[in-house]
Amino acid sequence: MSSEIIVSRPHYDSRAAAQGVHQKSPSLEQEVPQPSSGSATAGYRSAKYTPAEWFSNYQTILVQAGTNRRDAQNIQQESRTLSQDTEAAALKTQATGTRLLGERLQEIHSWKSELQRHIELLQADTESLLMVKKRLERALDATEHPYAIATDNLTCRARRLRAELVRDTVEEELLKEVDLIRSIQALLKTTAAQVVAQINVSTPSSWTKFTQDNLSTALQEDHATKTLRMLVEQMLQDTTEDLRVQCASVDRAFSLRCEDLIEAKTQLEMKLAQTLEQIGAQEKNIEVLQRAVHNKEAPLRVAQSRLYLRSLRPNMELCRDQPQLSLEGEVRQIDASLESLKQKLSEARSSLSRLEESRMALEKDISCKTNSLFIEREKCMIHRKRYPTVSVLSGY
């Protein structure tokens, strides 16, 4: 008997079809049985599956397929849910990050604007301090002119002559003015140094590191700058006022001194005129006395000649008669008159000498007063008319 291959044919399950389960061919998990002769297979099982095995096999496949499908569906659902959740979380996180970045950016812009505003304010304050510094320098330069005027006044007044070289009120006021100008110069130099130091502090480049510290520092420096600027303004106003007040005091002292000099010079000139008048009168008086003395010489010689001639009378004729007594009295009278005239002439000459000394002293003193008045009025006071104005002393 010839051998043949026995293969089980497919079985269609009507129940599975009704349930909509697709039929699948059972996988041949075992090798196909080899052909054998009938005699050889007697007493052994057939190589074909039994219907129960066939049913169990495809049921297992169906269950596994269903399980796999459900697992796939679950995975897909979970994947969709996870994808949606992760997308929502990502969008939420991104929105939060965007919001935080926006807030941070807005904060940075706010701080930047605040910094820029303070930088502009600080730059404006720095510019104002630079202007104040220039005003201080100009005010310091302006004090050189009053100082030169005051020292020149002192130098000019040192050329006064003799008794005019006195330490009067003008001298005191000029010395006060020199001391005041020196102290103001020292104060201006110190204040200028403070302003320079403040401008080194208030540079905008120091703002780039720490915002809060820089803002606090900037506010402090801004306040310090404004305070210093106000201090400089007040100081310049005070020093200018002090200088102008002292200048007015010196000018007033000069005016009073000139009035005193003019009055003294006028009195001296009046006294000189009177002295010159007295000198002329005394010279005339001396001439009169000299003529009077000269006029007494002839009568004296006549009387003396008569006495001499009468002394030549002989014997008893030489008597002290009335003519003799008259001649002797005449001689004594003329001698007394001559003595009085010569005494008066000596006194007149001494008086004339004293008048000449007075005239020379008056002329010298008038010359000194004239020189002092020229120094005070033409040198010092005219020079003081070039005294700096209030605006120049204030540094403008």
Protein backbone atom coordinates (compact mmCIF):
# COMPACT_ATOMS: atom_id res chain seq x y z
CA MET A 1 0.00 0.00 0.00
CA SER A 2 1.45 3.44 -1.05
CA SER A 3 2.09 6.04 1.62
CA GLU A 4 0.35 9.53 1.64
CA ILE A 5 0.65 12.71 3.59
CA ILE A 6 -2.25 13.36 5.91
CA VAL A 7 -2.92 17.11 6.44
CA SER A 8 -5.80 18.42 8.51
CA ARG A 9 -7.98 20.82 6.60
CA PRO A 10 -9.15 24.06 7.94
CA HIS A 11 -12.21 24.21 10.09
CA TYR A 12 -14.63 27.17 9.92
CA ASP A 13 -16.14 28.08 13.24
CA SER A 14 -19.58 29.54 12.72
CA ARG A 15 -19.67 30.94 16.29
CA ALA A 16 -16.46 32.77 15.82
CA ALA A 17 -17.72 34.17 12.56
CA ALA A 18 -20.90 35.33 14.25
CA GLN A 19 -18.84 37.12 16.88
CA GLY A 20 -16.83 38.84 14.16
CA VAL A 21 -13.62 37.14 15.00
CA HIS A 22 -11.49 36.64 11.95
CA GLN A 23 -10.33 33.14 11.47
CA LYS A 24 -6.67 32.58 11.33
CA SER A 25 -4.88 29.62 10.16
CA PRO A 26 -3.35 27.76 13.03
CA SER A 27 0.31 28.20 13.13
CA LEU A 28 2.18 25.04 12.57
CA GLU A 29 4.07 25.06 15.76
CA GLN A 30 5.05 21.43 15.34
CA GLU A 31 6.71 19.89 12.42
CA VAL A 32 4.56 18.16 9.86
CA PRO A 33 4.40 14.42 10.64
CA GLN A 34 6.44 12.35 8.29
CA PRO A 35 4.64 9.74 6.16
CA SER A 36 4.62 6.30 7.51
CA SER A 37 3.33 3.02 6.39
CA GLY A 38 0.21 1.81 7.87
CA SER A 39 1.88 -1.15 9.32
CA ALA A 40 4.49 1.02 10.88
CA THR A 41 1.95 3.24 12.62
CA ALA A 42 -0.22 0.48 13.95
CA GLY A 43 -0.87 0.97 17.70
CA TYR A 44 0.22 4.72 17.65
CA ARG A 45 -1.76 8.03 17.43
CA SER A 46 -2.42 9.53 14.08
CA ALA A 47 -0.32 12.53 12.92
CA LYS A 48 -3.48 14.68 12.53
CA TYR A 49 -4.74 17.02 15.31
CA THR A 50 -7.92 16.27 16.96
CA PRO A 51 -10.84 18.71 16.72
CA ALA A 52 -10.42 19.59 20.38
CA GLU A 53 -6.79 20.49 19.85
CA TRP A 54 -7.71 22.41 16.77
CA PHE A 55 -10.39 24.35 18.66
CA SER A 56 -8.16 24.95 21.64
CA ASN A 57 -5.39 26.12 19.37
CA TYR A 58 -7.39 28.75 17.54
CA GLN A 59 -9.18 29.82 20.74
CA THR A 60 -5.84 30.49 22.27
CA ILE A 61 -4.84 32.50 19.24
CA LEU A 62 -8.07 34.49 19.40
CA VAL A 63 -7.65 35.24 23.10
CA GLN A 64 -4.06 36.26 22.57
CA ALA A 65 -5.02 38.45 19.64
CA GLY A 66 -7.77 40.09 21.70
CA THR A 67 -5.42 40.65 24.57
CA ASN A 68 -2.83 42.14 22.24
CA ARG A 69 -5.48 44.35 20.64
CA ARG A 70 -6.70 45.59 23.99
CA ASP A 71 -3.14 46.15 25.13
CA ALA A 72 -2.49 48.11 21.95
CA GLN A 73 -5.65 50.13 22.43
CA ASN A 74 -4.71 50.85 26.04
CA ILE A 75 -1.23 51.86 24.98
CA GLN A 76 -2.66 54.07 22.26
CA GLN A 77 -5.11 55.69 24.69
CA GLU A 78 -2.44 56.14 27.29
CA SER A 79 -0.12 57.50 24.61
CA ARG A 80 -2.73 60.00 23.50
CA THR A 81 -3.43 60.99 27.12
CA LEU A 82 0.27 61.19 27.90
CA SER A 83 0.90 63.16 24.74
CA GLN A 84 -1.87 65.59 25.62
CA ASP A 85 -0.73 65.85 29.23
CA THR A 86 2.89 66.38 28.29
CA GLU A 87 1.90 68.90 25.62
CA ALA A 88 -0.31 70.75 28.10
CA ALA A 89 2.43 70.61 30.73
CA ALA A 90 4.97 71.80 28.19
CA LEU A 91 2.69 74.62 27.09
CA LYS A 92 1.99 75.54 30.71
CA THR A 93 5.68 75.42 31.59
CA GLN A 94 6.54 77.39 28.50
CA ALA A 95 3.82 79.94 29.26
CA THR A 96 5.12 80.23 32.83
CA GLY A 97 8.68 80.63 31.54
CA THR A 98 7.52 83.21 29.01
CA ARG A 99 5.61 85.08 31.71
CA LEU A 100 8.60 85.00 34.07
CA LEU A 101 10.91 86.08 31.28
CA GLY A 102 8.53 88.88 30.42
CA GLU A 103 8.31 89.95 34.04
CA ARG A 104 12.09 89.76 34.35
CA LEU A 105 12.51 91.68 31.14
CA GLN A 106 10.04 94.28 32.34
CA GLU A 107 11.89 94.47 35.65
CA ILE A 108 15.20 94.86 33.83
CA HIS A 109 13.71 97.54 31.61
CA SER A 110 12.33 99.26 34.72
CA TRP A 111 15.69 99.16 36.47
CA LYS A 112 17.38 100.22 33.26
CA SER A 113 15.02 103.16 32.93
CA GLU A 114 15.57 104.01 36.58
CA LEU A 115 19.31 103.72 36.11
CA GLN A 116 19.18 105.81 32.96
CA ARG A 117 17.13 108.45 34.74
CA HIS A 118 19.56 108.58 37.63
CA ILE A 119 22.50 108.58 35.24
CA GLU A 120 20.99 111.55 33.45
CA LEU A 121 20.33 113.24 36.78
CA LEU A 122 23.84 112.45 37.91
CA GLN A 123 25.28 113.70 34.65
CA ALA A 124 23.27 116.90 35.04
CA ASP A 125 24.51 117.22 38.63
CA THR A 126 28.04 116.54 37.45
CA GLU A 127 27.67 119.23 34.80
CA SER A 128 26.34 121.61 37.43
CA LEU A 129 29.28 120.75 39.69
CA LEU A 130 31.64 121.39 36.80
CA MET A 131 30.00 124.79 36.34
CA VAL A 132 30.34 125.41 40.08
CA LYS A 133 34.00 124.34 39.85
CA LYS A 134 34.55 126.82 37.03
CA ARG A 135 32.79 129.51 39.09
CA LEU A 136 35.04 128.72 42.05
CA GLU A 137 38.12 128.94 39.82
CA ARG A 138 36.92 132.20 38.29
CA ALA A 139 36.04 133.56 41.74
CA LEU A 140 39.52 132.55 42.97
CA ASP A 141 41.06 134.33 39.99
CA ALA A 142 38.84 137.33 40.64
CA THR A 143 40.21 137.67 44.17
CA GLU A 144 43.67 138.27 42.74
CA HIS A 145 42.54 141.68 41.49
CA PRO A 146 41.30 142.95 44.88
CA TYR A 147 44.42 141.46 46.48
CA ALA A 148 46.62 143.31 44.00
CA ILE A 149 44.64 146.51 44.58
CA ALA A 150 44.92 146.22 48.37
CA THR A 151 48.64 145.40 48.32
CA ASP A 152 49.24 148.19 45.80
CA ASN A 153 47.35 150.58 48.07
CA LEU A 154 49.57 149.53 50.98
CA THR A 155 52.68 149.92 48.83
CA CYS A 156 51.60 153.35 47.60
CA ARG A 157 50.75 154.52 51.10
CA ALA A 158 54.18 153.35 52.27
CA ARG A 159 55.61 156.16 50.12
CA ARG A 160 53.94 158.82 52.25
CA LEU A 161 56.39 161.34 53.63
CA ARG A 162 57.54 161.95 57.20
CA ALA A 163 54.74 162.33 59.70
CA GLU A 164 52.18 161.27 57.09
CA LEU A 165 53.46 157.69 57.36
CA VAL A 166 50.91 156.75 60.01
CA ARG A 167 48.97 153.56 60.73
CA ASP A 168 45.56 155.15 60.37
CA THR A 169 42.05 153.73 59.82
CA VAL A 170 42.71 153.26 56.11
CA GLU A 171 45.79 151.21 56.92
CA GLU A 172 43.81 149.04 59.35
CA GLU A 173 40.99 148.50 56.84
CA LEU A 174 43.45 147.66 54.06
CA LEU A 175 45.18 145.10 56.29
CA LYS A 176 41.78 143.64 57.15
CA GLU A 177 40.98 143.48 53.45
CA VAL A 178 44.24 141.66 52.68
CA ASP A 179 43.62 139.13 55.49
CA LEU A 180 40.00 138.66 54.35
CA ILE A 181 41.05 138.07 50.74
CA ARG A 182 43.69 135.54 51.84
CA SER A 183 41.17 133.64 53.98
CA ILE A 184 38.62 133.71 51.15
CA GLN A 185 41.24 132.40 48.71
CA ALA A 186 42.04 129.54 51.09
CA LEU A 187 38.33 128.78 51.48
CA LEU A 188 37.77 128.85 47.72
CA LYS A 189 40.72 126.51 47.15
CA THR A 190 39.44 124.06 49.79
CA THR A 191 35.90 124.14 48.39
CA ALA A 192 37.20 123.65 44.84
CA ALA A 193 39.12 120.59 46.03
CA GLN A 194 35.92 119.21 47.61
CA VAL A 195 34.03 119.79 44.37
CA VAL A 196 36.76 118.01 42.37
CA ALA A 197 36.66 115.09 44.81
CA GLN A 198 32.86 114.94 44.52
CA ILE A 199 33.07 114.85 40.68
CA ASN A 200 35.50 111.91 40.91
CA VAL A 201 32.94 110.06 43.05
CA SER A 202 29.92 110.77 40.84
CA THR A 203 30.97 109.00 37.62
CA PRO A 204 28.24 107.02 35.79
CA SER A 205 30.71 104.19 34.99
CA SER A 206 30.48 102.99 38.59
CA TRP A 207 26.84 102.09 38.01
CA THR A 208 27.36 99.04 35.87
CA LYS A 209 27.96 96.38 38.56
CA PHE A 210 25.35 96.35 41.29
CA THR A 211 22.06 98.02 40.57
CA GLN A 212 20.67 98.44 44.02
CA ASP A 213 23.99 99.57 45.53
CA ASN A 214 24.54 101.95 42.65
CA LEU A 215 21.06 103.41 43.00
CA SER A 216 21.56 103.89 46.72
CA THR A 217 25.01 105.35 46.14
CA ALA A 218 23.68 107.54 43.35
CA LEU A 219 20.91 108.88 45.57
CA GLN A 220 23.42 109.60 48.31
CA GLU A 221 25.84 111.22 45.89
CA ASP A 222 23.01 113.15 44.29
CA HIS A 223 22.04 114.47 47.70
CA ALA A 224 25.68 115.17 48.52
CA THR A 225 26.12 116.95 45.19
CA LYS A 226 23.06 119.11 45.72
CA THR A 227 24.14 119.86 49.28
CA LEU A 228 27.66 120.73 48.16
CA ARG A 229 26.33 122.87 45.33
CA MET A 230 24.07 124.76 47.73
CA LEU A 231 27.02 125.11 50.12
CA VAL A 232 29.19 126.49 47.32
CA GLU A 233 26.44 128.91 46.27
CA GLN A 234 26.05 130.13 49.84
CA MET A 235 29.81 130.31 50.34
CA LEU A 236 30.28 132.30 47.13
CA GLN A 237 27.47 134.63 48.16
CA ASP A 238 28.95 135.09 51.64
CA THR A 239 32.51 135.65 50.42
CA THR A 240 31.33 138.06 47.76
CA GLU A 241 29.27 139.96 50.29
CA ASP A 242 32.19 140.02 52.75
CA LEU A 243 34.53 141.33 50.08
CA ARG A 244 32.08 144.00 48.94
CA VAL A 245 31.37 145.05 52.56
CA GLN A 246 35.10 145.27 53.27
CA CYS A 247 35.62 147.13 49.99
CA ALA A 248 32.93 149.60 51.03
CA SER A 249 34.61 149.97 54.44
CA VAL A 250 37.97 150.66 52.80
CA ASP A 251 36.40 153.13 50.35
CA ARG A 252 34.63 154.87 53.22
CA ALA A 253 37.89 155.02 55.21
CA PHE A 254 39.66 156.43 52.14
CA SER A 255 36.94 159.06 51.71
CA LEU A 256 37.12 160.09 55.36
CA ARG A 257 40.91 160.14 55.21
CA CYS A 258 40.80 162.30 52.08
CA GLU A 259 38.38 164.66 53.80
CA ASP A 260 40.73 164.89 56.77
CA LEU A 261 43.69 165.51 54.49
CA ILE A 262 41.80 168.14 52.52
CA GLU A 263 40.71 169.87 55.71
CA ALA A 264 44.22 169.72 57.18
CA LYS A 265 45.75 170.91 53.91
CA THR A 266 43.25 173.77 53.73
CA GLN A 267 44.04 174.83 57.29
CA LEU A 268 47.77 174.58 56.58
CA GLU A 269 47.40 176.65 53.43
CA MET A 270 45.41 179.28 55.32
CA LYS A 271 48.05 179.32 58.05
CA LEU A 272 50.77 179.56 55.39
CA ALA A 273 49.02 182.53 53.82
CA GLN A 274 48.81 184.19 57.22
CA THR A 275 52.45 183.36 57.91
CA LEU A 276 53.52 184.78 54.57
CA GLU A 277 51.54 187.89 55.36
CA GLN A 278 53.24 188.13 58.73
CA ILE A 279 56.64 187.59 57.12
CA GLY A 280 55.98 190.48 54.77
CA ALA A 281 54.78 192.68 57.61
CA GLN A 282 57.77 191.72 59.74
CA GLU A 283 60.19 192.46 56.94
CA LYS A 284 58.61 195.89 56.57
CA ASN A 285 58.79 196.35 60.33
CA ILE A 286 62.47 195.47 60.27
CA GLU A 287 63.03 198.02 57.53
CA VAL A 288 61.20 200.65 59.61
CA LEU A 289 63.27 199.77 62.69
CA GLN A 290 66.48 199.86 60.69
CA ARG A 291 65.56 203.29 59.35
CA ALA A 292 64.65 204.42 62.82
CA VAL A 293 68.05 203.26 64.13
CA HIS A 294 69.75 204.91 61.22
CA ASN A 295 67.78 208.10 61.82
CA LYS A 296 68.97 208.19 65.44
CA GLU A 297 72.63 208.08 64.48
CA ALA A 298 72.83 211.67 63.15
CA PRO A 299 71.18 213.30 66.20
CA LEU A 300 73.43 211.16 68.43
CA ARG A 301 76.55 212.29 66.58
CA VAL A 302 75.42 215.95 66.81
CA ALA A 303 74.78 215.67 70.53
CA GLN A 304 78.06 213.85 71.14
CA SER A 305 79.94 216.43 69.03
CA ARG A 306 78.40 219.25 71.03
CA LEU A 307 79.35 217.56 74.27
CA TYR A 308 82.90 217.05 73.03
CA LEU A 309 83.19 220.62 71.87
CA ARG A 310 81.78 221.91 75.18
CA SER A 311 84.31 219.76 77.00
CA LEU A 312 87.00 221.95 75.45
CA ARG A 313 85.86 225.03 77.37
CA PRO A 314 88.65 226.50 79.54
CA ASN A 315 88.73 226.96 83.32
CA MET A 316 85.54 228.09 84.89
CA GLU A 317 83.72 228.00 81.61
CA LEU A 318 83.71 224.20 81.91
CA CYS A 319 80.63 224.04 84.04
CA ARG A 320 77.58 221.78 84.09
CA ASP A 321 75.18 224.39 82.95
CA GLN A 322 71.72 223.86 81.58
CA PRO A 323 72.84 223.26 77.99
CA GLN A 324 75.33 220.69 79.30
CA LEU A 325 72.66 218.87 81.19
CA SER A 326 70.33 219.09 78.20
CA LEU A 327 72.97 217.64 75.89
CA GLU A 328 73.73 214.82 78.34
CA GLY A 329 70.03 214.06 78.65
CA GLU A 330 69.69 214.13 74.89
CA VAL A 331 72.56 211.65 74.50
CA ARG A 332 71.11 209.34 77.15
CA GLN A 333 67.66 209.54 75.52
CA ILE A 334 69.05 208.79 72.08
CA ASP A 335 71.14 205.92 73.49
CA ALA A 336 68.05 204.50 75.22
CA SER A 337 66.01 204.88 72.07
CA LEU A 338 68.72 203.19 70.03
CA GLU A 339 68.96 200.39 72.57
CA SER A 340 65.18 199.91 72.47
CA LEU A 341 65.14 200.06 68.69
CA LYS A 342 68.02 197.61 68.38
CA GLN A 343 66.35 195.26 70.90
CA LYS A 344 63.10 195.45 68.98
CA LEU A 345 65.00 194.97 65.72
CA SER A 346 66.63 191.85 67.16
CA GLU A 347 63.26 190.57 68.28
CA ALA A 348 61.80 191.33 64.85
CA ARG A 349 64.62 189.47 63.15
CA SER A 350 64.19 186.50 65.49
CA SER A 351 60.45 186.59 64.82
CA LEU A 352 61.13 186.73 61.10
CA SER A 353 63.45 183.73 61.42
CA ARG A 354 60.77 181.82 63.33
CA LEU A 355 58.20 182.85 60.73
CA GLU A 356 60.50 181.56 58.01
CA GLU A 357 60.86 178.26 59.89
CA SER A 358 57.09 178.09 60.25
CA ARG A 359 56.72 178.84 56.56
CA MET A 360 59.13 176.05 55.65
CA ALA A 361 57.41 173.63 58.03
CA LEU A 362 54.00 174.58 56.65
CA GLU A 363 55.17 174.23 53.09
CA LYS A 364 56.74 170.84 53.83
CA ASP A 365 53.60 169.65 55.62
CA ILE A 366 51.41 170.95 52.81
CA SER A 367 53.66 169.12 50.37
CA CYS A 368 53.30 165.94 52.45
CA LYS A 369 49.55 166.38 52.61
CA THR A 370 49.43 167.01 48.87
CA ASN A 371 51.48 163.88 48.26
CA SER A 372 49.31 161.83 50.63
CA LEU A 373 46.16 163.20 49.01
CA PHE A 374 47.54 162.32 45.58
CA ILE A 375 48.33 158.79 46.75
CA GLU A 376 44.97 158.31 48.42
CA ARG A 377 42.84 159.87 45.70
CA GLU A 378 44.73 159.51 42.44
CA LYS A 379 46.45 156.21 43.09
CA CYS A 380 44.51 154.15 45.60
CA MET A 381 40.91 155.28 45.11
CA ILE A 382 41.12 155.35 41.31
CA HIS A 383 42.71 151.91 41.41
CA ARG A 384 39.89 150.68 43.64
CA LYS A 385 37.36 151.71 41.00
CA ARG A 386 38.54 148.63 39.10
CA TYR A 387 37.44 146.42 42.00
CA PRO A 388 35.66 143.30 40.63
CA THR A 389 31.88 143.37 40.49
CA VAL A 390 29.58 141.08 42.47
CA SER A 391 29.05 138.78 39.49
CA VAL A 392 32.78 138.43 38.87
CA LEU A 393 33.48 137.73 42.54
CA SER A 394 30.66 135.13 42.42
CA GLY A 395 32.49 133.29 39.64
CA TYR A 396 30.28 134.30 36.71
